[in-house]
């Protein structure tokens, strides 16, 4: 009934309680789950133990196999003192266990700056996936694969950092973005990306770079000449860009 009423967590714990009390003294585990902000107790056992549990049910409870992944046991008695049992289980968990307290965040990011960078990076990744799918086959599975994989990796890094599961690797992020600019310039020269498309994607990368530099500085200002610092282009191409322009910001300090 608990599962039917969408109370999975309660059903999980109650099942552990019944199995440990009615069948055998299973090892009970405990863990703090972030998504519900609560400590839960649970147990598990290998499939090879099902035959023994079925034997123990004979004459006492109904044991019905629905399929290889679904067994229903009915006729179990109603047991009291669940709360006392759970407290005793949690009390036996070592203090170093994840169940004893919520893990502190491993994140080293400013939520506001990283969220802005993440939104830009998501749009960039979506755009890259669409564009690379239209490349000529000689480039779709070479440079195209690298661009897609790198963008997905950076997006994942940002997500993990924002959720506090890992520290954000700024050096790796810069490496991915600078390499992306080089690859995109090559793809433009290979006629896989139009000039206006290259300008658009480059501007998106520039925005992400600036936001991540803000993040790495830990404040709301960054140094000057950001475009020159981040540009993967050769000095000759940089001079050409400054002469003819490509729509990118030129040495403008970034502020939020």
C-alpha atoms as a PDB file:
ATOM      1  CA  UNK A   1       0.000   0.000   0.000  1.00  0.00           C
ATOM      2  CA  UNK A   2       2.880   2.371   0.707  1.00  0.00           C
ATOM      3  CA  UNK A   3       4.266   1.862  -2.803  1.00  0.00           C
ATOM      4  CA  UNK A   4       0.788   2.340  -4.284  1.00  0.00           C
ATOM      5  CA  UNK A   5       0.519   5.658  -2.420  1.00  0.00           C
ATOM      6  CA  UNK A   6       3.892   6.802  -3.852  1.00  0.00           C
ATOM      7  CA  UNK A   7       5.619   6.407  -0.491  1.00  0.00           C
ATOM      8  CA  UNK A   8       8.614   4.486  -1.782  1.00  0.00           C
ATOM      9  CA  UNK A   9      11.013   5.532   0.974  1.00  0.00           C
ATOM     10  CA  UNK A  10       8.681   4.430   3.755  1.00  0.00           C
ATOM     11  CA  UNK A  11       8.042   1.125   1.972  1.00  0.00           C
ATOM     12  CA  UNK A  12      11.783   0.581   1.591  1.00  0.00           C
ATOM     13  CA  UNK A  13      12.397   1.041   5.314  1.00  0.00           C
ATOM     14  CA  UNK A  14       9.341  -0.952   6.414  1.00  0.00           C
ATOM     15  CA  UNK A  15      10.374  -3.862   4.195  1.00  0.00           C
ATOM     16  CA  UNK A  16      13.812  -3.850   5.803  1.00  0.00           C
ATOM     17  CA  UNK A  17      12.171  -3.870   9.227  1.00  0.00           C
ATOM     18  CA  UNK A  18       9.929  -6.844   8.393  1.00  0.00           C
ATOM     19  CA  UNK A  19      12.659  -8.884   6.710  1.00  0.00           C
ATOM     20  CA  UNK A  20      15.071  -8.409   9.600  1.00  0.00           C
ATOM     21  CA  UNK A  21      12.436  -9.291  12.199  1.00  0.00           C
ATOM     22  CA  UNK A  22      10.595 -12.167  10.480  1.00  0.00           C
ATOM     23  CA  UNK A  23      13.275 -13.972   8.495  1.00  0.00           C
ATOM     24  CA  UNK A  24      16.858 -13.556   9.585  1.00  0.00           C
ATOM     25  CA  UNK A  25      19.194 -10.904  11.044  1.00  0.00           C
ATOM     26  CA  UNK A  26      20.235  -9.189   7.826  1.00  0.00           C
ATOM     27  CA  UNK A  27      22.905  -6.525   7.870  1.00  0.00           C
ATOM     28  CA  UNK A  28      21.102  -3.174   7.931  1.00  0.00           C
ATOM     29  CA  UNK A  29      22.669  -0.183   6.191  1.00  0.00           C
ATOM     30  CA  UNK A  30      22.014   3.511   6.736  1.00  0.00           C
ATOM     31  CA  UNK A  31      22.599   6.504   4.524  1.00  0.00           C
ATOM     32  CA  UNK A  32      21.759  10.205   4.333  1.00  0.00           C
ATOM     33  CA  UNK A  33      19.937  11.040   1.084  1.00  0.00           C
ATOM     34  CA  UNK A  34      20.317  14.638  -0.053  1.00  0.00           C
ATOM     35  CA  UNK A  35      17.252  14.709  -2.273  1.00  0.00           C
ATOM     36  CA  UNK A  36      14.920  14.080   0.666  1.00  0.00           C
ATOM     37  CA  UNK A  37      17.214  15.442   3.434  1.00  0.00           C
ATOM     38  CA  UNK A  38      16.708  12.386   5.610  1.00  0.00           C
ATOM     39  CA  UNK A  39      18.526   9.355   6.960  1.00  0.00           C
ATOM     40  CA  UNK A  40      17.171   6.073   5.627  1.00  0.00           C
ATOM     41  CA  UNK A  41      17.823   2.458   6.616  1.00  0.00           C
ATOM     42  CA  UNK A  42      17.782  -0.395   4.111  1.00  0.00           C
ATOM     43  CA  UNK A  43      19.029  -3.898   3.404  1.00  0.00           C
ATOM     44  CA  UNK A  44      19.833  -6.028   0.415  1.00  0.00           C
ATOM     45  CA  UNK A  45      20.714  -9.634  -0.372  1.00  0.00           C
ATOM     46  CA  UNK A  46      21.730 -11.707  -3.427  1.00  0.00           C
ATOM     47  CA  UNK A  47      19.221 -13.591  -5.579  1.00  0.00           C
ATOM     48  CA  UNK A  48      20.652 -16.871  -4.316  1.00  0.00           C
ATOM     49  CA  UNK A  49      19.012 -16.211  -0.946  1.00  0.00           C
ATOM     50  CA  UNK A  50      15.490 -16.109  -2.398  1.00  0.00           C
ATOM     51  CA  UNK A  51      15.136 -19.899  -2.355  1.00  0.00           C
ATOM     52  CA  UNK A  52      15.834 -19.988   1.388  1.00  0.00           C
ATOM     53  CA  UNK A  53      13.378 -17.161   2.012  1.00  0.00           C
ATOM     54  CA  UNK A  54      10.759 -19.082   0.032  1.00  0.00           C
ATOM     55  CA  UNK A  55      11.355 -22.128   2.252  1.00  0.00           C
ATOM     56  CA  UNK A  56      10.867 -20.004   5.355  1.00  0.00           C
ATOM     57  CA  UNK A  57       7.573 -18.709   3.923  1.00  0.00           C
ATOM     58  CA  UNK A  58       6.122 -22.219   3.437  1.00  0.00           C
ATOM     59  CA  UNK A  59       3.186 -22.729   5.752  1.00  0.00           C
ATOM     60  CA  UNK A  60       3.409 -19.213   7.161  1.00  0.00           C
ATOM     61  CA  UNK A  61       3.235 -16.642   4.350  1.00  0.00           C
ATOM     62  CA  UNK A  62       2.279 -16.527   0.678  1.00  0.00           C
ATOM     63  CA  UNK A  63       5.312 -16.380  -1.647  1.00  0.00           C
ATOM     64  CA  UNK A  64       4.453 -15.594  -5.295  1.00  0.00           C
ATOM     65  CA  UNK A  65       6.913 -15.057  -8.156  1.00  0.00           C
ATOM     66  CA  UNK A  66       5.534 -12.536 -10.668  1.00  0.00           C
ATOM     67  CA  UNK A  67       8.674 -12.548 -12.828  1.00  0.00           C
ATOM     68  CA  UNK A  68      12.425 -12.840 -12.301  1.00  0.00           C
ATOM     69  CA  UNK A  69      12.546  -9.292 -10.925  1.00  0.00           C
ATOM     70  CA  UNK A  70       9.287  -9.281  -8.960  1.00  0.00           C
ATOM     71  CA  UNK A  71       8.430 -11.420  -5.925  1.00  0.00           C
ATOM     72  CA  UNK A  72       5.373 -10.732  -3.739  1.00  0.00           C
ATOM     73  CA  UNK A  73       5.192 -11.950  -0.131  1.00  0.00           C
ATOM     74  CA  UNK A  74       1.822 -11.508   1.583  1.00  0.00           C
ATOM     75  CA  UNK A  75       0.253 -12.549   4.861  1.00  0.00           C
ATOM     76  CA  UNK A  76       2.969 -10.951   6.978  1.00  0.00           C
ATOM     77  CA  UNK A  77       1.932  -9.895  10.483  1.00  0.00           C
ATOM     78  CA  UNK A  78       1.794  -6.256  11.538  1.00  0.00           C
ATOM     79  CA  UNK A  79       4.770  -5.467  13.769  1.00  0.00           C
ATOM     80  CA  UNK A  80       5.066  -2.546  16.157  1.00  0.00           C
ATOM     81  CA  UNK A  81       8.039  -0.525  17.381  1.00  0.00           C
ATOM     82  CA  UNK A  82       9.388   0.399  13.948  1.00  0.00           C
ATOM     83  CA  UNK A  83      10.604   3.797  15.192  1.00  0.00           C
ATOM     84  CA  UNK A  84      12.532   2.237  18.073  1.00  0.00           C
ATOM     85  CA  UNK A  85      14.086  -0.265  15.684  1.00  0.00           C
ATOM     86  CA  UNK A  86      15.207   2.464  13.273  1.00  0.00           C
ATOM     87  CA  UNK A  87      16.740   4.509  16.098  1.00  0.00           C
ATOM     88  CA  UNK A  88      18.715   1.493  17.248  1.00  0.00           C
ATOM     89  CA  UNK A  89      20.006   0.904  13.710  1.00  0.00           C
ATOM     90  CA  UNK A  90      21.060   4.531  13.260  1.00  0.00           C
ATOM     91  CA  UNK A  91      22.699   4.504  16.686  1.00  0.00           C
ATOM     92  CA  UNK A  92      24.857   1.565  15.650  1.00  0.00           C
ATOM     93  CA  UNK A  93      26.185   3.316  12.545  1.00  0.00           C
ATOM     94  CA  UNK A  94      29.807   4.600  12.983  1.00  0.00           C
ATOM     95  CA  UNK A  95      30.160   8.351  13.271  1.00  0.00           C
ATOM     96  CA  UNK A  96      32.220   8.418  10.065  1.00  0.00           C
ATOM     97  CA  UNK A  97      29.340   6.921   8.091  1.00  0.00           C
ATOM     98  CA  UNK A  98      27.481   9.140   5.575  1.00  0.00           C
ATOM     99  CA  UNK A  99      24.345   8.397   7.611  1.00  0.00           C
ATOM    100  CA  UNK A 100      25.649  10.188  10.691  1.00  0.00           C
ATOM    101  CA  UNK A 101      25.612  13.627   9.116  1.00  0.00           C
ATOM    102  CA  UNK A 102      25.105  15.297   5.790  1.00  0.00           C
ATOM    103  CA  UNK A 103      28.284  15.517   3.745  1.00  0.00           C
ATOM    104  CA  UNK A 104      29.715  18.984   3.403  1.00  0.00           C
ATOM    105  CA  UNK A 105      29.794  20.403  -0.072  1.00  0.00           C
ATOM    106  CA  UNK A 106      32.974  19.929  -2.099  1.00  0.00           C
ATOM    107  CA  UNK A 107      32.043  22.880  -4.268  1.00  0.00           C
ATOM    108  CA  UNK A 108      34.427  25.814  -4.588  1.00  0.00           C
ATOM    109  CA  UNK A 109      32.194  27.954  -6.771  1.00  0.00           C
ATOM    110  CA  UNK A 110      30.217  31.140  -6.457  1.00  0.00           C
ATOM    111  CA  UNK A 111      26.642  29.962  -7.187  1.00  0.00           C
ATOM    112  CA  UNK A 112      25.656  33.156  -9.014  1.00  0.00           C
ATOM    113  CA  UNK A 113      28.637  33.289 -11.366  1.00  0.00           C
ATOM    114  CA  UNK A 114      28.627  29.555 -12.025  1.00  0.00           C
ATOM    115  CA  UNK A 115      24.902  29.511 -12.767  1.00  0.00           C
ATOM    116  CA  UNK A 116      25.366  32.239 -15.377  1.00  0.00           C
ATOM    117  CA  UNK A 117      28.281  30.348 -16.915  1.00  0.00           C
ATOM    118  CA  UNK A 118      26.307  27.097 -16.838  1.00  0.00           C
ATOM    119  CA  UNK A 119      23.379  28.635 -18.725  1.00  0.00           C
ATOM    120  CA  UNK A 120      25.707  29.958 -21.406  1.00  0.00           C
ATOM    121  CA  UNK A 121      27.532  26.634 -21.578  1.00  0.00           C
ATOM    122  CA  UNK A 122      24.268  24.703 -21.963  1.00  0.00           C
ATOM    123  CA  UNK A 123      23.226  26.904 -24.897  1.00  0.00           C
ATOM    124  CA  UNK A 124      26.693  26.521 -26.421  1.00  0.00           C
ATOM    125  CA  UNK A 125      26.607  22.711 -26.061  1.00  0.00           C
ATOM    126  CA  UNK A 126      23.161  22.518 -27.626  1.00  0.00           C
ATOM    127  CA  UNK A 127      24.340  24.653 -30.538  1.00  0.00           C
ATOM    128  CA  UNK A 128      27.501  22.565 -31.016  1.00  0.00           C
ATOM    129  CA  UNK A 129      25.509  19.314 -31.083  1.00  0.00           C
ATOM    130  CA  UNK A 130      23.245  20.732 -33.777  1.00  0.00           C
ATOM    131  CA  UNK A 131      26.023  22.209 -35.900  1.00  0.00           C
ATOM    132  CA  UNK A 132      28.389  19.238 -35.805  1.00  0.00           C
ATOM    133  CA  UNK A 133      25.574  16.933 -36.906  1.00  0.00           C
ATOM    134  CA  UNK A 134      25.524  18.817 -40.220  1.00  0.00           C
ATOM    135  CA  UNK A 135      29.262  18.545 -40.903  1.00  0.00           C
ATOM    136  CA  UNK A 136      30.627  16.590 -43.852  1.00  0.00           C
ATOM    137  CA  UNK A 137      31.252  13.002 -42.700  1.00  0.00           C
ATOM    138  CA  UNK A 138      35.049  13.445 -42.727  1.00  0.00           C
ATOM    139  CA  UNK A 139      34.706  16.046 -39.945  1.00  0.00           C
ATOM    140  CA  UNK A 140      31.502  14.948 -38.188  1.00  0.00           C
ATOM    141  CA  UNK A 141      33.228  11.991 -36.526  1.00  0.00           C
ATOM    142  CA  UNK A 142      36.610  13.619 -35.906  1.00  0.00           C
ATOM    143  CA  UNK A 143      36.613  17.241 -34.900  1.00  0.00           C
ATOM    144  CA  UNK A 144      32.862  17.058 -34.461  1.00  0.00           C
ATOM    145  CA  UNK A 145      33.123  14.251 -31.908  1.00  0.00           C
ATOM    146  CA  UNK A 146      35.819  16.102 -29.990  1.00  0.00           C
ATOM    147  CA  UNK A 147      33.775  19.296 -29.830  1.00  0.00           C
ATOM    148  CA  UNK A 148      30.680  17.462 -28.627  1.00  0.00           C
ATOM    149  CA  UNK A 149      32.534  15.388 -26.043  1.00  0.00           C
ATOM    150  CA  UNK A 150      34.487  18.358 -24.686  1.00  0.00           C
ATOM    151  CA  UNK A 151      31.400  20.523 -24.344  1.00  0.00           C
ATOM    152  CA  UNK A 152      29.529  17.730 -22.555  1.00  0.00           C
ATOM    153  CA  UNK A 153      32.484  17.206 -20.218  1.00  0.00           C
ATOM    154  CA  UNK A 154      32.596  20.883 -19.240  1.00  0.00           C
ATOM    155  CA  UNK A 155      28.828  20.998 -18.765  1.00  0.00           C
ATOM    156  CA  UNK A 156      29.082  17.989 -16.460  1.00  0.00           C
ATOM    157  CA  UNK A 157      31.939  19.601 -14.510  1.00  0.00           C
ATOM    158  CA  UNK A 158      29.801  22.693 -13.919  1.00  0.00           C
ATOM    159  CA  UNK A 159      26.786  20.643 -12.845  1.00  0.00           C
ATOM    160  CA  UNK A 160      28.803  18.624 -10.322  1.00  0.00           C
ATOM    161  CA  UNK A 161      30.402  21.776  -8.916  1.00  0.00           C
ATOM    162  CA  UNK A 162      27.071  23.574  -8.518  1.00  0.00           C
ATOM    163  CA  UNK A 163      25.613  20.584  -6.674  1.00  0.00           C
ATOM    164  CA  UNK A 164      28.637  20.402  -4.383  1.00  0.00           C
ATOM    165  CA  UNK A 165      29.826  16.975  -5.517  1.00  0.00           C
ATOM    166  CA  UNK A 166      33.226  18.061  -6.850  1.00  0.00           C
ATOM    167  CA  UNK A 167      35.578  21.010  -6.996  1.00  0.00           C
ATOM    168  CA  UNK A 168      35.578  22.867 -10.272  1.00  0.00           C
ATOM    169  CA  UNK A 169      38.768  22.466 -12.316  1.00  0.00           C
ATOM    170  CA  UNK A 170      39.303  25.926 -13.811  1.00  0.00           C
ATOM    171  CA  UNK A 171      42.480  24.922 -15.654  1.00  0.00           C
ATOM    172  CA  UNK A 172      40.688  22.037 -17.363  1.00  0.00           C
ATOM    173  CA  UNK A 173      37.771  24.304 -18.259  1.00  0.00           C
ATOM    174  CA  UNK A 174      40.093  26.857 -19.880  1.00  0.00           C
ATOM    175  CA  UNK A 175      41.851  24.092 -21.794  1.00  0.00           C
ATOM    176  CA  UNK A 176      38.544  22.816 -23.195  1.00  0.00           C
ATOM    177  CA  UNK A 177      37.317  26.258 -24.247  1.00  0.00           C
ATOM    178  CA  UNK A 178      40.587  27.401 -25.820  1.00  0.00           C
ATOM    179  CA  UNK A 179      40.851  24.130 -27.738  1.00  0.00           C
ATOM    180  CA  UNK A 180      37.262  24.576 -28.908  1.00  0.00           C
ATOM    181  CA  UNK A 181      38.108  27.997 -30.367  1.00  0.00           C
ATOM    182  CA  UNK A 182      41.062  26.547 -32.256  1.00  0.00           C
ATOM    183  CA  UNK A 183      38.969  23.689 -33.636  1.00  0.00           C
ATOM    184  CA  UNK A 184      36.141  26.002 -34.637  1.00  0.00           C
ATOM    185  CA  UNK A 185      38.552  28.270 -36.509  1.00  0.00           C
ATOM    186  CA  UNK A 186      39.920  25.262 -38.380  1.00  0.00           C
ATOM    187  CA  UNK A 187      36.394  24.120 -39.211  1.00  0.00           C
ATOM    188  CA  UNK A 188      35.591  27.580 -40.533  1.00  0.00           C
ATOM    189  CA  UNK A 189      38.613  27.427 -42.834  1.00  0.00           C
ATOM    190  CA  UNK A 190      37.445  23.978 -43.956  1.00  0.00           C
ATOM    191  CA  UNK A 191      34.086  25.528 -44.942  1.00  0.00           C
ATOM    192  CA  UNK A 192      32.143  23.550 -42.328  1.00  0.00           C
ATOM    193  CA  UNK A 193      31.077  26.676 -40.433  1.00  0.00           C
ATOM    194  CA  UNK A 194      29.992  29.933 -42.035  1.00  0.00           C
ATOM    195  CA  UNK A 195      31.698  33.151 -40.976  1.00  0.00           C
ATOM    196  CA  UNK A 196      28.644  34.498 -39.143  1.00  0.00           C
ATOM    197  CA  UNK A 197      28.223  31.158 -37.341  1.00  0.00           C
ATOM    198  CA  UNK A 198      31.868  31.220 -36.267  1.00  0.00           C
ATOM    199  CA  UNK A 199      31.465  34.746 -34.903  1.00  0.00           C
ATOM    200  CA  UNK A 200      28.349  33.723 -32.960  1.00  0.00           C
ATOM    201  CA  UNK A 201      29.934  30.630 -31.377  1.00  0.00           C
ATOM    202  CA  UNK A 202      33.155  32.511 -30.599  1.00  0.00           C
ATOM    203  CA  UNK A 203      31.192  35.215 -28.821  1.00  0.00           C
ATOM    204  CA  UNK A 204      29.439  32.536 -26.767  1.00  0.00           C
ATOM    205  CA  UNK A 205      32.791  31.035 -25.760  1.00  0.00           C
ATOM    206  CA  UNK A 206      34.087  34.499 -24.870  1.00  0.00           C
ATOM    207  CA  UNK A 207      31.116  35.039 -22.556  1.00  0.00           C
ATOM    208  CA  UNK A 208      31.725  31.696 -20.824  1.00  0.00           C
ATOM    209  CA  UNK A 209      35.442  32.429 -20.461  1.00  0.00           C
ATOM    210  CA  UNK A 210      34.745  35.806 -18.884  1.00  0.00           C
ATOM    211  CA  UNK A 211      32.238  34.351 -16.430  1.00  0.00           C
ATOM    212  CA  UNK A 212      34.654  31.597 -15.425  1.00  0.00           C
ATOM    213  CA  UNK A 213      37.448  34.128 -14.934  1.00  0.00           C
ATOM    214  CA  UNK A 214      35.144  36.023 -12.586  1.00  0.00           C
ATOM    215  CA  UNK A 215      34.531  32.756 -10.807  1.00  0.00           C
ATOM    216  CA  UNK A 216      38.211  31.910 -10.477  1.00  0.00           C
ATOM    217  CA  UNK A 217      39.025  35.388  -9.147  1.00  0.00           C
ATOM    218  CA  UNK A 218      36.363  35.064  -6.467  1.00  0.00           C
ATOM    219  CA  UNK A 219      35.030  38.582  -7.025  1.00  0.00           C
ATOM    220  CA  UNK A 220      33.183  40.688  -9.548  1.00  0.00           C
ATOM    221  CA  UNK A 221      36.096  42.052 -11.578  1.00  0.00           C
ATOM    222  CA  UNK A 222      38.760  40.585 -13.794  1.00  0.00           C
ATOM    223  CA  UNK A 223      41.893  41.859 -15.452  1.00  0.00           C
ATOM    224  CA  UNK A 224      42.100  43.737 -18.682  1.00  0.00           C
ATOM    225  CA  UNK A 225      42.789  42.423 -22.186  1.00  0.00           C
ATOM    226  CA  UNK A 226      40.691  39.310 -21.741  1.00  0.00           C
ATOM    227  CA  UNK A 227      40.278  38.693 -25.445  1.00  0.00           C
ATOM    228  CA  UNK A 228      44.017  38.808 -26.115  1.00  0.00           C
ATOM    229  CA  UNK A 229      44.733  36.506 -23.177  1.00  0.00           C
ATOM    230  CA  UNK A 230      42.235  33.868 -24.264  1.00  0.00           C
ATOM    231  CA  UNK A 231      42.633  34.008 -28.020  1.00  0.00           C
ATOM    232  CA  UNK A 232      43.927  30.805 -29.654  1.00  0.00           C
ATOM    233  CA  UNK A 233      44.693  32.706 -32.849  1.00  0.00           C
ATOM    234  CA  UNK A 234      48.183  33.504 -34.060  1.00  0.00           C
ATOM    235  CA  UNK A 235      49.469  37.125 -33.695  1.00  0.00           C
ATOM    236  CA  UNK A 236      48.912  37.681 -37.416  1.00  0.00           C
ATOM    237  CA  UNK A 237      45.320  36.544 -37.186  1.00  0.00           C
ATOM    238  CA  UNK A 238      44.816  38.645 -34.059  1.00  0.00           C
ATOM    239  CA  UNK A 239      46.033  41.731 -35.947  1.00  0.00           C
ATOM    240  CA  UNK A 240      43.702  40.842 -38.810  1.00  0.00           C
ATOM    241  CA  UNK A 241      40.827  40.496 -36.390  1.00  0.00           C
ATOM    242  CA  UNK A 242      41.585  43.866 -34.801  1.00  0.00           C
ATOM    243  CA  UNK A 243      41.758  45.454 -38.261  1.00  0.00           C
ATOM    244  CA  UNK A 244      38.633  43.913 -39.760  1.00  0.00           C
ATOM    245  CA  UNK A 245      36.719  42.972 -36.633  1.00  0.00           C
ATOM    246  CA  UNK A 246      34.817  39.798 -35.886  1.00  0.00           C
ATOM    247  CA  UNK A 247      32.206  40.989 -33.438  1.00  0.00           C
ATOM    248  CA  UNK A 248      34.146  39.964 -30.321  1.00  0.00           C
ATOM    249  CA  UNK A 249      34.974  42.310 -27.405  1.00  0.00           C
ATOM    250  CA  UNK A 250      38.467  43.790 -27.501  1.00  0.00           C
ATOM    251  CA  UNK A 251      40.211  44.002 -24.139  1.00  0.00           C
ATOM    252  CA  UNK A 252      37.129  45.110 -22.221  1.00  0.00           C
ATOM    253  CA  UNK A 253      37.129  44.373 -18.464  1.00  0.00           C
ATOM    254  CA  UNK A 254      34.179  42.190 -17.526  1.00  0.00           C
ATOM    255  CA  UNK A 255      31.952  43.217 -14.615  1.00  0.00           C
ATOM    256  CA  UNK A 256      28.744  41.901 -13.100  1.00  0.00           C
END
